[in-house]
Amino acid sequence: MKFRHYLESIAGVDIYPMVSLLIFFTFFTGLAIWAFRANKQYITDVKNLPLDKDNN
């Protein structure tokens, strides 16, 4: 059984790879922009959070 035969029978299936690539690109571009613009103190606090034993 090949899935290609199932996909060929769906009308408009050629748009799905482009939509998924667009979602992937948009998400990771937004994530990269957020990471570069984030407050460095917030990043440091979150990075050390698992090691902070005084928080309890």
C-alpha atoms as a PDB file:
ATOM      1  CA  MET A   1       0.000   0.000   0.000  1.00  0.00           C
ATOM      2  CA  LYS A   2       1.402   3.321  -1.021  1.00  0.00           C
ATOM      3  CA  PHE A   3       0.023   6.501   0.409  1.00  0.00           C
ATOM      4  CA  ARG A   4       0.793   8.319  -2.802  1.00  0.00           C
ATOM      5  CA  HIS A   5      -2.185   6.696  -4.499  1.00  0.00           C
ATOM      6  CA  TYR A   6      -4.462   7.912  -1.724  1.00  0.00           C
ATOM      7  CA  LEU A   7      -3.085  11.432  -1.910  1.00  0.00           C
ATOM      8  CA  GLU A   8      -3.463  11.616  -5.683  1.00  0.00           C
ATOM      9  CA  SER A   9      -7.201  11.055  -5.326  1.00  0.00           C
ATOM     10  CA  ILE A  10      -7.668  14.113  -3.064  1.00  0.00           C
ATOM     11  CA  ALA A  11      -8.565  17.302  -4.915  1.00  0.00           C
ATOM     12  CA  GLY A  12      -6.271  20.219  -4.137  1.00  0.00           C
ATOM     13  CA  VAL A  13      -3.728  18.149  -2.222  1.00  0.00           C
ATOM     14  CA  ASP A  14      -0.841  20.082  -3.768  1.00  0.00           C
ATOM     15  CA  ILE A  15      -1.514  23.061  -1.464  1.00  0.00           C
ATOM     16  CA  TYR A  16      -0.860  21.144   1.781  1.00  0.00           C
ATOM     17  CA  PRO A  17       2.949  21.002   1.494  1.00  0.00           C
ATOM     18  CA  MET A  18       3.088  24.735   0.815  1.00  0.00           C
ATOM     19  CA  VAL A  19       0.811  25.545   3.751  1.00  0.00           C
ATOM     20  CA  SER A  20       2.826  23.360   6.118  1.00  0.00           C
ATOM     21  CA  LEU A  21       6.086  24.970   4.926  1.00  0.00           C
ATOM     22  CA  LEU A  22       4.591  28.418   5.468  1.00  0.00           C
ATOM     23  CA  ILE A  23       3.460  27.519   8.993  1.00  0.00           C
ATOM     24  CA  PHE A  24       6.875  26.008   9.783  1.00  0.00           C
ATOM     25  CA  PHE A  25       8.758  29.041   8.434  1.00  0.00           C
ATOM     26  CA  THR A  26       6.474  31.557  10.156  1.00  0.00           C
ATOM     27  CA  PHE A  27       6.680  29.819  13.529  1.00  0.00           C
ATOM     28  CA  PHE A  28      10.451  29.481  13.613  1.00  0.00           C
ATOM     29  CA  THR A  29      11.035  32.955  12.216  1.00  0.00           C
ATOM     30  CA  GLY A  30       8.789  34.372  14.930  1.00  0.00           C
ATOM     31  CA  LEU A  31      10.555  32.291  17.547  1.00  0.00           C
ATOM     32  CA  ALA A  32      13.973  33.491  16.366  1.00  0.00           C
ATOM     33  CA  ILE A  33      12.840  37.132  16.416  1.00  0.00           C
ATOM     34  CA  TRP A  34      11.459  36.684  19.936  1.00  0.00           C
ATOM     35  CA  ALA A  35      14.690  35.033  21.118  1.00  0.00           C
ATOM     36  CA  PHE A  36      16.861  37.847  19.801  1.00  0.00           C
ATOM     37  CA  ARG A  37      14.622  40.581  21.173  1.00  0.00           C
ATOM     38  CA  ALA A  38      13.861  38.983  24.541  1.00  0.00           C
ATOM     39  CA  ASN A  39      15.048  40.559  27.738  1.00  0.00           C
ATOM     40  CA  LYS A  40      18.392  38.970  28.635  1.00  0.00           C
ATOM     41  CA  GLN A  41      17.593  39.020  32.363  1.00  0.00           C
ATOM     42  CA  TYR A  42      14.398  37.033  31.706  1.00  0.00           C
ATOM     43  CA  ILE A  43      16.371  34.459  29.701  1.00  0.00           C
ATOM     44  CA  THR A  44      18.899  34.145  32.536  1.00  0.00           C
ATOM     45  CA  ASP A  45      16.137  33.760  35.147  1.00  0.00           C
ATOM     46  CA  VAL A  46      14.369  31.059  33.140  1.00  0.00           C
ATOM     47  CA  LYS A  47      17.664  29.297  32.427  1.00  0.00           C
ATOM     48  CA  ASN A  48      18.502  29.088  36.142  1.00  0.00           C
ATOM     49  CA  LEU A  49      14.965  28.198  37.260  1.00  0.00           C
ATOM     50  CA  PRO A  50      15.535  24.407  37.544  1.00  0.00           C
ATOM     51  CA  LEU A  51      18.648  25.041  39.649  1.00  0.00           C
ATOM     52  CA  ASP A  52      16.976  27.504  42.013  1.00  0.00           C
ATOM     53  CA  LYS A  53      16.316  25.557  45.233  1.00  0.00           C
ATOM     54  CA  ASP A  54      15.335  28.588  47.327  1.00  0.00           C
ATOM     55  CA  ASN A  55      12.094  29.087  45.391  1.00  0.00           C
ATOM     56  CA  ASN A  56      10.147  26.512  47.442  1.00  0.00           C
END
